[in-house]
C-alpha cells in the first residue's frame, strides 16, 4: 500500500472523526431538549431518508463509482448528469406520491409528511456528487457531502427548537422543503445544459433511457437497497415494532459505536476506485495485498477505539442524558457488530468492484431477510436490544459470506495479519 493511499485514508479518518464529534454535540443537544419519543421519530426519519434516497438514485451507487473510476473527466461529467437526471425525475414522482398521501386517511403521519417528501431528494442529490468526488479520488469531499444532510438537519432543528419553539417534525418540514426545492432546481439547470461533444468518447445513456432499461439496473438497485437496509434497517424496524423512545436509544448508541469502524469506512472510500482499476487490469496479487493491508490497519485501529469505548462508555452514555445511561447492553452488542465488519475487511467493496455483483446481491438479500426475521422475533420483546442482536446476526451472515467468496475468487487470507502468498 503506497504512502498516497495511507495519507488519503488518514485524512478521511480524521475528517470522519471531526464529523462525528460535531454529530455527538448535535445529538446531545437534541437529546437534552426534546422528549426521547420525538428524538426517536427524528432518527427514524433520517433512516427512512437514507433508504428512500437509494431508490431515487436507482441503486446505481457502486456502478457510478466503477464507471467513473475507469473514465476520463468528460465521461465522468456525462455520468453525473445522467445520474442527476434519474434522481430529478424520480424525486418529482416521490414528492407527488408522498404529498398525495397527505390528503388520505394516514393522519398519524401528517406532521412528518413534508420531511418524508423533501429529505430523500436532498440526500440523493448530494450523494451523487459524493460518488463523483470518490471516483475522482476526492474522498474527503465525499465524506463532507454524505454527512451534510444529517449534520445540517440537526443544526437546523436545534435552531428552530431554541429560537422558534417548533416541533422536530415541523422544523424538518419547513427547512428541507426550502432547501430541497432549491437544490432540485439547481440540479435541473445542471442536467438541462447541452452536453459537450466528443466523438472519441463513449456517450452515457440519458436518464430517460436508464429508467426505460430498468431491468438492467435491478441488480444494482437491490444491492444498494439491501446495503442501506443493513445500515438503517434496525432503526426502521424498531420504529415500526416498538416505542419511539427505544428507537432513540438504538440510534444514539449506533452513533457512539460507529467510531470503531471509521477506519474501515475511510479505507473503503479510498479503496473502491482502486479495486475497480486493479480488477480491470486483472491484477489479483495487488488486490490481495491491498485488501489485507487495509484490513490489518483497520483492525489495529478499531481494537484501540473499541477498548476506549468500553472503558469510558458510562460517561459517554450519560453525556446524552439520563435516559440513555441504561443502554450499556445495547452498546456491547453493537460494538460486536462493528468488530465483525473490521475483522472481515472490505469484502463487499472488492466483490462489487471486480464483477461479482451477483454474489454480493444474494449475500445482502439473505442478510436482510435474516435482519427482518430476527428483528420481528426479538424487537417486540427486547426493544432496542433485540434490534441490536438482530443486526449482529445479519451483519455476521453478510460479512462472512462475502469473505468466503473473496477467499474463493482472490485467495485473500481468512484471518487478519496472515501473510499474503503469491498465487
Protein backbone atom coordinates (compact mmCIF):
# COMPACT_ATOMS: atom_id res chain seq x y z
CA UNK A 1 0.00 0.00 0.00
CA UNK A 2 1.62 3.28 -1.10
CA UNK A 3 2.02 6.40 1.01
CA UNK A 4 -0.56 8.35 -1.00
CA UNK A 5 -3.31 5.86 -0.16
CA UNK A 6 -2.32 5.83 3.52
CA UNK A 7 -2.24 9.61 3.66
CA UNK A 8 -5.63 9.92 1.96
CA UNK A 9 -7.08 7.31 4.31
CA UNK A 10 -5.70 9.18 7.32
CA UNK A 11 -7.25 12.42 6.08
CA UNK A 12 -10.63 10.74 5.58
CA UNK A 13 -10.40 9.08 9.00
CA UNK A 14 -9.70 12.29 10.90
CA UNK A 15 -12.32 14.12 8.88
CA UNK A 16 -14.86 11.46 9.87
CA UNK A 17 -13.78 11.83 13.50
CA UNK A 18 -14.34 15.58 13.28
CA UNK A 19 -17.76 14.99 11.74
CA UNK A 20 -18.70 12.50 14.46
CA UNK A 21 -17.62 14.92 17.23
CA UNK A 22 -19.88 17.58 15.73
CA UNK A 23 -22.61 14.97 15.36
CA UNK A 24 -22.27 13.93 19.01
CA UNK A 25 -22.68 17.54 20.10
CA UNK A 26 -25.77 17.95 17.92
CA UNK A 27 -27.37 14.71 19.13
CA UNK A 28 -26.59 15.61 22.75
CA UNK A 29 -28.25 18.98 22.21
CA UNK A 30 -31.32 17.30 20.76
CA UNK A 31 -31.42 14.65 23.49
CA UNK A 32 -31.38 17.31 26.21
CA UNK A 33 -34.04 19.48 24.58
CA UNK A 34 -36.67 17.06 23.25
CA UNK A 35 -38.53 14.05 24.55
CA UNK A 36 -36.99 10.64 23.74
CA UNK A 37 -40.03 9.78 21.61
CA UNK A 38 -39.55 12.92 19.47
CA UNK A 39 -35.84 12.11 19.15
CA UNK A 40 -36.75 8.58 18.04
CA UNK A 41 -39.06 9.98 15.35
CA UNK A 42 -36.24 12.24 14.15
CA UNK A 43 -33.78 9.35 13.83
CA UNK A 44 -36.40 7.21 12.11
CA UNK A 45 -36.94 9.97 9.56
CA UNK A 46 -33.19 10.17 8.84
CA UNK A 47 -33.04 6.39 8.35
CA UNK A 48 -36.06 6.48 6.05
CA UNK A 49 -34.42 9.24 4.00
CA UNK A 50 -31.27 7.12 3.56
CA UNK A 51 -33.27 4.16 2.25
CA UNK A 52 -35.53 6.27 0.03
CA UNK A 53 -32.51 8.09 -1.43
CA UNK A 54 -31.18 4.75 -2.72
CA UNK A 55 -34.37 4.28 -4.72
CA UNK A 56 -34.16 7.84 -6.06
CA UNK A 57 -30.58 7.12 -7.23
CA UNK A 58 -31.94 3.94 -8.84
CA UNK A 59 -29.44 1.92 -6.82
CA UNK A 60 -26.58 2.88 -9.13
CA UNK A 61 -24.21 3.88 -6.30
CA UNK A 62 -21.40 1.36 -6.82
CA UNK A 63 -21.96 1.30 -10.58
CA UNK A 64 -21.33 5.05 -10.71
CA UNK A 65 -18.05 4.70 -8.82
CA UNK A 66 -16.99 1.80 -11.04
CA UNK A 67 -17.89 3.61 -14.27
CA UNK A 68 -16.31 6.92 -13.32
CA UNK A 69 -13.14 5.36 -11.86
CA UNK A 70 -12.38 3.93 -15.31
CA UNK A 71 -13.47 7.01 -17.29
CA UNK A 72 -11.87 10.26 -18.37
CA UNK A 73 -13.13 13.57 -16.97
CA UNK A 74 -15.59 14.37 -19.77
CA UNK A 75 -17.20 10.94 -19.47
CA UNK A 76 -17.48 11.42 -15.69
CA UNK A 77 -19.34 14.66 -16.29
CA UNK A 78 -21.82 12.81 -18.51
CA UNK A 79 -22.31 10.02 -15.99
CA UNK A 80 -23.04 12.58 -13.26
CA UNK A 81 -25.57 14.38 -15.46
CA UNK A 82 -27.21 11.05 -16.21
CA UNK A 83 -27.39 10.12 -12.52
CA UNK A 84 -28.75 13.53 -11.51
CA UNK A 85 -31.35 13.30 -14.27
CA UNK A 86 -32.55 9.99 -12.84
CA UNK A 87 -32.70 11.48 -9.32
CA UNK A 88 -34.60 14.52 -10.57
CA UNK A 89 -37.28 12.51 -12.37
CA UNK A 90 -37.77 10.03 -9.53
CA UNK A 91 -37.77 12.82 -6.92
CA UNK A 92 -40.70 14.52 -8.63
CA UNK A 93 -42.61 11.22 -8.58
CA UNK A 94 -41.66 10.62 -4.93
CA UNK A 95 -42.75 14.08 -3.80
CA UNK A 96 -46.07 13.82 -5.65
CA UNK A 97 -46.84 10.40 -4.13
CA UNK A 98 -45.96 11.44 -0.57
CA UNK A 99 -47.87 14.71 -0.73
CA UNK A 100 -50.90 12.94 -2.20
CA UNK A 101 -50.87 10.64 0.86
CA UNK A 102 -51.13 13.77 3.00
CA UNK A 103 -54.77 14.06 1.96
CA UNK A 104 -55.62 10.41 2.68
CA UNK A 105 -56.56 8.71 5.92
CA UNK A 106 -52.95 8.40 7.19
CA UNK A 107 -53.48 11.12 9.77
CA UNK A 108 -50.76 9.92 12.17
CA UNK A 109 -48.01 10.65 9.64
CA UNK A 110 -49.27 14.08 8.60
CA UNK A 111 -46.78 16.01 10.70
CA UNK A 112 -43.89 14.05 9.15
CA UNK A 113 -45.10 14.08 5.54
CA UNK A 114 -43.16 17.11 4.32
CA UNK A 115 -39.99 15.75 5.88
CA UNK A 116 -40.60 12.34 4.29
CA UNK A 117 -41.17 14.06 0.94
CA UNK A 118 -38.28 16.51 0.93
CA UNK A 119 -35.36 14.94 2.82
CA UNK A 120 -34.68 11.93 0.49
CA UNK A 121 -34.17 14.07 -2.67
CA UNK A 122 -31.67 16.22 -0.79
CA UNK A 123 -29.72 13.15 0.37
CA UNK A 124 -29.85 11.60 -3.12
CA UNK A 125 -28.55 14.67 -4.99
CA UNK A 126 -25.68 15.32 -2.57
CA UNK A 127 -24.65 11.66 -2.61
CA UNK A 128 -24.40 11.63 -6.42
CA UNK A 129 -21.88 14.46 -6.22
CA UNK A 130 -20.22 12.47 -3.43
CA UNK A 131 -19.74 9.45 -5.69
CA UNK A 132 -18.32 11.74 -8.37
CA UNK A 133 -15.80 13.02 -5.84
CA UNK A 134 -14.99 9.47 -4.70
CA UNK A 135 -14.32 8.28 -8.25
CA UNK A 136 -12.09 11.31 -8.78
CA UNK A 137 -10.18 10.26 -5.63
CA UNK A 138 -11.52 13.19 -3.61
CA UNK A 139 -12.69 11.01 -0.72
CA UNK A 140 -12.59 13.88 1.79
CA UNK A 141 -15.13 15.87 -0.25
CA UNK A 142 -17.33 12.77 -0.50
CA UNK A 143 -17.40 12.42 3.29
CA UNK A 144 -18.47 16.05 3.69
CA UNK A 145 -21.24 15.70 1.12
CA UNK A 146 -22.54 12.46 2.65
CA UNK A 147 -22.53 13.89 6.17
CA UNK A 148 -24.09 17.24 5.22
CA UNK A 149 -27.81 16.26 5.38
CA UNK A 150 -27.60 14.74 8.87
CA UNK A 151 -25.37 17.46 10.33
CA UNK A 152 -27.33 20.32 8.79
CA UNK A 153 -30.66 18.77 9.78
CA UNK A 154 -29.54 18.51 13.40
CA UNK A 155 -28.25 22.09 13.46
CA UNK A 156 -31.39 23.39 11.77
CA UNK A 157 -33.71 21.52 14.13
CA UNK A 158 -31.81 22.80 17.17
CA UNK A 159 -32.04 26.35 15.82
CA UNK A 160 -35.78 26.02 15.23
CA UNK A 161 -36.34 24.49 18.68
CA UNK A 162 -34.34 27.12 20.57
CA UNK A 163 -35.49 30.24 18.73
CA UNK A 164 -38.97 29.39 17.44
CA UNK A 165 -40.13 26.54 19.71
CA UNK A 166 -41.15 24.41 16.71
CA UNK A 167 -41.57 20.65 16.95
CA UNK A 168 -38.88 18.41 15.43
CA UNK A 169 -41.10 17.24 12.56
CA UNK A 170 -42.27 20.75 11.69
CA UNK A 171 -38.69 22.06 11.78
CA UNK A 172 -37.53 19.40 9.33
CA UNK A 173 -40.54 20.01 7.10
CA UNK A 174 -40.06 23.77 6.83
CA UNK A 175 -36.28 23.74 6.47
CA UNK A 176 -35.90 20.91 4.00
CA UNK A 177 -38.83 21.92 1.84
CA UNK A 178 -36.96 25.13 1.04
CA UNK A 179 -33.52 23.50 0.70
CA UNK A 180 -34.69 20.53 -1.39
CA UNK A 181 -36.74 22.64 -3.79
CA UNK A 182 -33.77 24.96 -4.32
CA UNK A 183 -31.35 22.05 -4.83
CA UNK A 184 -33.69 20.27 -7.27
CA UNK A 185 -33.99 23.48 -9.30
CA UNK A 186 -30.19 23.80 -9.43
CA UNK A 187 -29.99 20.12 -10.45
CA UNK A 188 -32.47 20.73 -13.26
CA UNK A 189 -30.37 23.62 -14.57
CA UNK A 190 -27.23 21.44 -14.44
CA UNK A 191 -28.87 18.46 -16.16
CA UNK A 192 -30.51 20.59 -18.87
CA UNK A 193 -27.17 22.02 -20.04
CA UNK A 194 -26.23 20.76 -23.52
CA UNK A 195 -23.54 18.09 -23.38
CA UNK A 196 -20.09 18.71 -24.81
CA UNK A 197 -19.49 16.66 -27.92
CA UNK A 198 -16.51 14.41 -28.47
CA UNK A 199 -16.84 11.60 -30.96
CA UNK A 200 -13.91 9.72 -29.40
CA UNK A 201 -15.73 9.27 -26.08
CA UNK A 202 -18.50 6.85 -25.21
CA UNK A 203 -21.79 8.64 -24.67
CA UNK A 204 -23.51 7.89 -21.37
CA UNK A 205 -27.17 6.98 -21.74
CA UNK A 206 -29.70 9.67 -20.91
CA UNK A 207 -31.68 9.49 -17.67
CA UNK A 208 -34.81 8.52 -19.60
CA UNK A 209 -33.02 5.61 -21.30
CA UNK A 210 -31.72 4.43 -17.92
CA UNK A 211 -35.24 4.39 -16.48
CA UNK A 212 -36.60 2.60 -19.54
CA UNK A 213 -33.97 -0.13 -19.16
CA UNK A 214 -34.87 -0.68 -15.50
CA UNK A 215 -34.36 -4.49 -15.56
CA UNK A 216 -30.67 -3.96 -16.43
CA UNK A 217 -30.19 -1.99 -13.23
CA UNK A 218 -32.40 -4.11 -10.95
CA UNK A 219 -29.35 -5.91 -9.53
CA UNK A 220 -27.63 -2.66 -8.63
CA UNK A 221 -30.81 -1.30 -7.07
CA UNK A 222 -31.23 -4.45 -4.99
CA UNK A 223 -27.60 -4.36 -3.82
CA UNK A 224 -27.68 -0.68 -2.89
CA UNK A 225 -31.07 -1.01 -1.22
CA UNK A 226 -30.03 -4.06 0.80
CA UNK A 227 -26.74 -2.39 1.80
CA UNK A 228 -28.63 0.61 3.14
CA UNK A 229 -31.19 -1.58 4.88
CA UNK A 230 -28.31 -3.34 6.63
CA UNK A 231 -27.23 0.06 7.98
CA UNK A 232 -30.64 1.59 8.68
CA UNK A 233 -32.99 -1.41 8.88
CA UNK A 234 -32.64 -1.97 12.62
CA UNK A 235 -33.77 1.61 13.32
CA UNK A 236 -36.62 1.33 10.80
CA UNK A 237 -37.84 -1.98 12.26
CA UNK A 238 -37.58 -0.65 15.80
CA UNK A 239 -39.67 2.35 14.76
CA UNK A 240 -42.39 0.03 13.48
CA UNK A 241 -42.30 -2.60 16.25
CA UNK A 242 -41.53 -0.75 19.48
CA UNK A 243 -41.78 2.65 21.14
CA UNK A 244 -40.10 5.71 19.64
CA UNK A 245 -38.04 6.12 22.83
CA UNK A 246 -36.41 2.73 22.14
CA UNK A 247 -35.57 3.95 18.64
CA UNK A 248 -33.79 6.94 20.21
CA UNK A 249 -31.73 4.60 22.42
CA UNK A 250 -30.74 2.42 19.49
CA UNK A 251 -29.88 5.34 17.19
CA UNK A 252 -27.77 7.15 19.78
CA UNK A 253 -25.74 4.02 20.62
CA UNK A 254 -25.28 3.25 16.90
CA UNK A 255 -23.66 6.66 16.54
CA UNK A 256 -21.39 6.06 19.53
CA UNK A 257 -20.04 2.69 18.38
CA UNK A 258 -19.71 3.75 14.73
CA UNK A 259 -16.33 5.31 15.58
CA UNK A 260 -14.94 1.76 15.93
CA UNK A 261 -15.26 1.01 12.21
CA UNK A 262 -14.49 4.51 10.93
CA UNK A 263 -11.02 3.47 9.83
CA UNK A 264 -12.57 0.68 7.73
CA UNK A 265 -15.06 3.14 6.23
CA UNK A 266 -12.19 5.51 5.48
CA UNK A 267 -10.32 2.72 3.69
CA UNK A 268 -13.49 1.73 1.81
CA UNK A 269 -13.93 5.25 0.49
CA UNK A 270 -10.35 5.24 -0.81
CA UNK A 271 -10.12 1.61 -1.96
CA UNK A 272 -13.28 1.27 -4.07
CA UNK A 273 -11.89 3.07 -7.15
CA UNK A 274 -8.52 1.34 -6.59
CA UNK A 275 -10.19 -2.10 -6.60
CA UNK A 276 -12.07 -1.18 -9.78
CA UNK A 277 -8.86 -0.20 -11.60
CA UNK A 278 -6.89 -3.26 -10.39
CA UNK A 279 -9.75 -5.62 -11.29
CA UNK A 280 -9.90 -4.17 -14.80
CA UNK A 281 -6.17 -4.88 -15.13
CA UNK A 282 -6.71 -8.39 -13.70
CA UNK A 283 -4.04 -7.70 -11.08
CA UNK A 284 -5.07 -10.24 -8.42
CA UNK A 285 -1.84 -10.09 -6.41
CA UNK A 286 -2.08 -6.34 -5.83
CA UNK A 287 -5.75 -6.75 -4.90
CA UNK A 288 -4.81 -9.33 -2.25
CA UNK A 289 -2.06 -7.12 -0.85
CA UNK A 290 -4.27 -4.03 -0.75
CA UNK A 291 -7.14 -5.95 0.86
CA UNK A 292 -5.02 -7.50 3.61
CA UNK A 293 -3.03 -4.38 4.47
CA UNK A 294 -6.17 -2.26 4.80
CA UNK A 295 -7.73 -4.99 6.91
CA UNK A 296 -4.75 -5.16 9.28
CA UNK A 297 -4.52 -1.40 9.80
CA UNK A 298 -8.30 -1.15 10.27
CA UNK A 299 -8.33 -3.88 12.91
CA UNK A 300 -5.49 -2.39 14.95
CA UNK A 301 -7.18 0.99 14.99
CA UNK A 302 -10.62 -0.48 15.70
CA UNK A 303 -9.42 -2.58 18.66
CA UNK A 304 -7.89 0.50 20.28
CA UNK A 305 -11.08 2.54 19.82
CA UNK A 306 -13.28 -0.36 20.99
CA UNK A 307 -11.28 -0.70 24.22
CA UNK A 308 -11.54 3.04 24.77
CA UNK A 309 -15.32 2.95 24.26
CA UNK A 310 -15.63 0.06 26.74
CA UNK A 311 -13.63 1.94 29.36
CA UNK A 312 -15.50 5.25 29.10
CA UNK A 313 -18.95 4.07 27.97
CA UNK A 314 -20.74 5.16 31.16
CA UNK A 315 -19.77 8.86 31.00
CA UNK A 316 -20.32 8.82 27.23
CA UNK A 317 -23.87 7.49 27.61
CA UNK A 318 -24.65 9.92 30.43
CA UNK A 319 -23.43 12.76 28.18
CA UNK A 320 -26.57 12.25 26.09
CA UNK A 321 -28.86 12.37 29.10
CA UNK A 322 -30.09 10.23 31.97
CA UNK A 323 -32.48 8.30 29.72
CA UNK A 324 -29.54 6.72 27.83
CA UNK A 325 -27.48 5.61 30.84
CA UNK A 326 -29.11 2.16 30.85
CA UNK A 327 -28.08 1.41 27.24
CA UNK A 328 -24.83 -0.42 28.06
CA UNK A 329 -26.07 -3.83 26.87
CA UNK A 330 -27.12 -2.31 23.55
CA UNK A 331 -23.67 -0.75 23.28
CA UNK A 332 -21.89 -4.08 23.85
CA UNK A 333 -23.96 -5.82 21.16
CA UNK A 334 -23.37 -3.04 18.63
CA UNK A 335 -19.64 -3.00 19.41
CA UNK A 336 -19.57 -6.63 18.30
CA UNK A 337 -21.32 -5.59 15.06
CA UNK A 338 -18.57 -3.08 14.28
CA UNK A 339 -15.76 -5.50 15.17
CA UNK A 340 -17.19 -8.17 12.85
CA UNK A 341 -17.04 -5.66 9.98
CA UNK A 342 -13.44 -4.75 10.71
CA UNK A 343 -12.19 -8.33 11.24
CA UNK A 344 -13.64 -9.44 7.91
CA UNK A 345 -12.46 -6.41 5.89
CA UNK A 346 -13.76 -4.68 2.72
CA UNK A 347 -15.26 -7.79 1.13
CA UNK A 348 -18.34 -6.10 -0.27
CA UNK A 349 -16.32 -3.37 -1.95
CA UNK A 350 -13.98 -5.92 -3.53
CA UNK A 351 -16.83 -8.08 -4.86
CA UNK A 352 -18.71 -5.08 -6.25
CA UNK A 353 -15.70 -3.51 -7.95
CA UNK A 354 -14.43 -6.76 -9.51
CA UNK A 355 -17.52 -8.00 -11.33
CA UNK A 356 -19.06 -10.27 -8.66
CA UNK A 357 -22.15 -8.13 -8.10
CA UNK A 358 -24.49 -11.12 -8.23
CA UNK A 359 -22.73 -12.78 -5.27
CA UNK A 360 -22.94 -9.57 -3.27
CA UNK A 361 -26.60 -9.20 -4.21
CA UNK A 362 -27.60 -12.64 -2.91
CA UNK A 363 -25.48 -12.26 0.22
CA UNK A 364 -27.11 -8.94 1.06
CA UNK A 365 -30.61 -10.21 0.29
CA UNK A 366 -30.17 -13.19 2.60
CA UNK A 367 -28.75 -10.92 5.30
CA UNK A 368 -31.70 -8.54 5.01
CA UNK A 369 -34.07 -11.48 5.37
CA UNK A 370 -32.13 -12.51 8.49
CA UNK A 371 -32.38 -8.99 9.88
CA UNK A 372 -36.11 -8.89 9.23
CA UNK A 373 -36.84 -12.34 10.68
CA UNK A 374 -34.78 -11.86 13.83
CA UNK A 375 -35.99 -8.28 14.15
CA UNK A 376 -39.63 -9.36 14.04
CA UNK A 377 -38.83 -12.04 16.62
CA UNK A 378 -36.67 -10.07 19.07
CA UNK A 379 -37.70 -6.41 18.88
CA UNK A 380 -41.26 -6.75 20.26
CA UNK A 381 -39.84 -8.47 23.38
CA UNK A 382 -36.45 -6.82 23.88
CA UNK A 383 -36.88 -3.46 22.16
CA UNK A 384 -33.66 -1.74 21.11
CA UNK A 385 -31.53 -4.61 22.48
CA UNK A 386 -33.43 -7.06 20.28
CA UNK A 387 -32.75 -4.84 17.26
CA UNK A 388 -29.04 -4.82 18.13
CA UNK A 389 -28.93 -8.63 18.33
CA UNK A 390 -30.81 -8.95 15.03
CA UNK A 391 -28.31 -6.59 13.41
CA UNK A 392 -25.36 -8.57 14.81
CA UNK A 393 -26.69 -11.80 13.29
CA UNK A 394 -27.41 -10.20 9.90
CA UNK A 395 -24.05 -8.42 9.67
CA UNK A 396 -22.21 -11.65 10.56
CA UNK A 397 -24.06 -13.54 7.83
CA UNK A 398 -23.29 -10.90 5.21
CA UNK A 399 -19.65 -10.31 6.06
CA UNK A 400 -18.56 -13.92 6.48
CA UNK A 401 -20.38 -14.89 3.28
CA UNK A 402 -18.52 -12.13 1.46
CA UNK A 403 -15.21 -13.26 2.97
CA UNK A 404 -15.81 -16.83 1.78
CA UNK A 405 -16.22 -15.68 -1.83
CA UNK A 406 -13.25 -13.30 -1.63
CA UNK A 407 -11.13 -16.24 -0.47
CA UNK A 408 -12.54 -18.38 -3.26
CA UNK A 409 -12.02 -15.91 -6.12
CA UNK A 410 -9.00 -13.89 -4.96
CA UNK A 411 -7.33 -16.18 -2.39
CA UNK A 412 -7.27 -13.46 0.27
CA UNK A 413 -6.38 -14.83 3.74
CA UNK A 414 -9.17 -15.97 6.04
CA UNK A 415 -7.70 -14.10 9.00
CA UNK A 416 -6.06 -10.70 9.55
CA UNK A 417 -2.28 -10.47 9.93
CA UNK A 418 -1.72 -13.58 7.81
CA UNK A 419 0.93 -13.12 5.12
CA UNK A 420 -0.40 -12.91 1.57
CA UNK A 421 1.04 -15.63 -0.63
CA UNK A 422 1.71 -15.27 -4.34
CA UNK A 423 -0.58 -17.41 -6.46
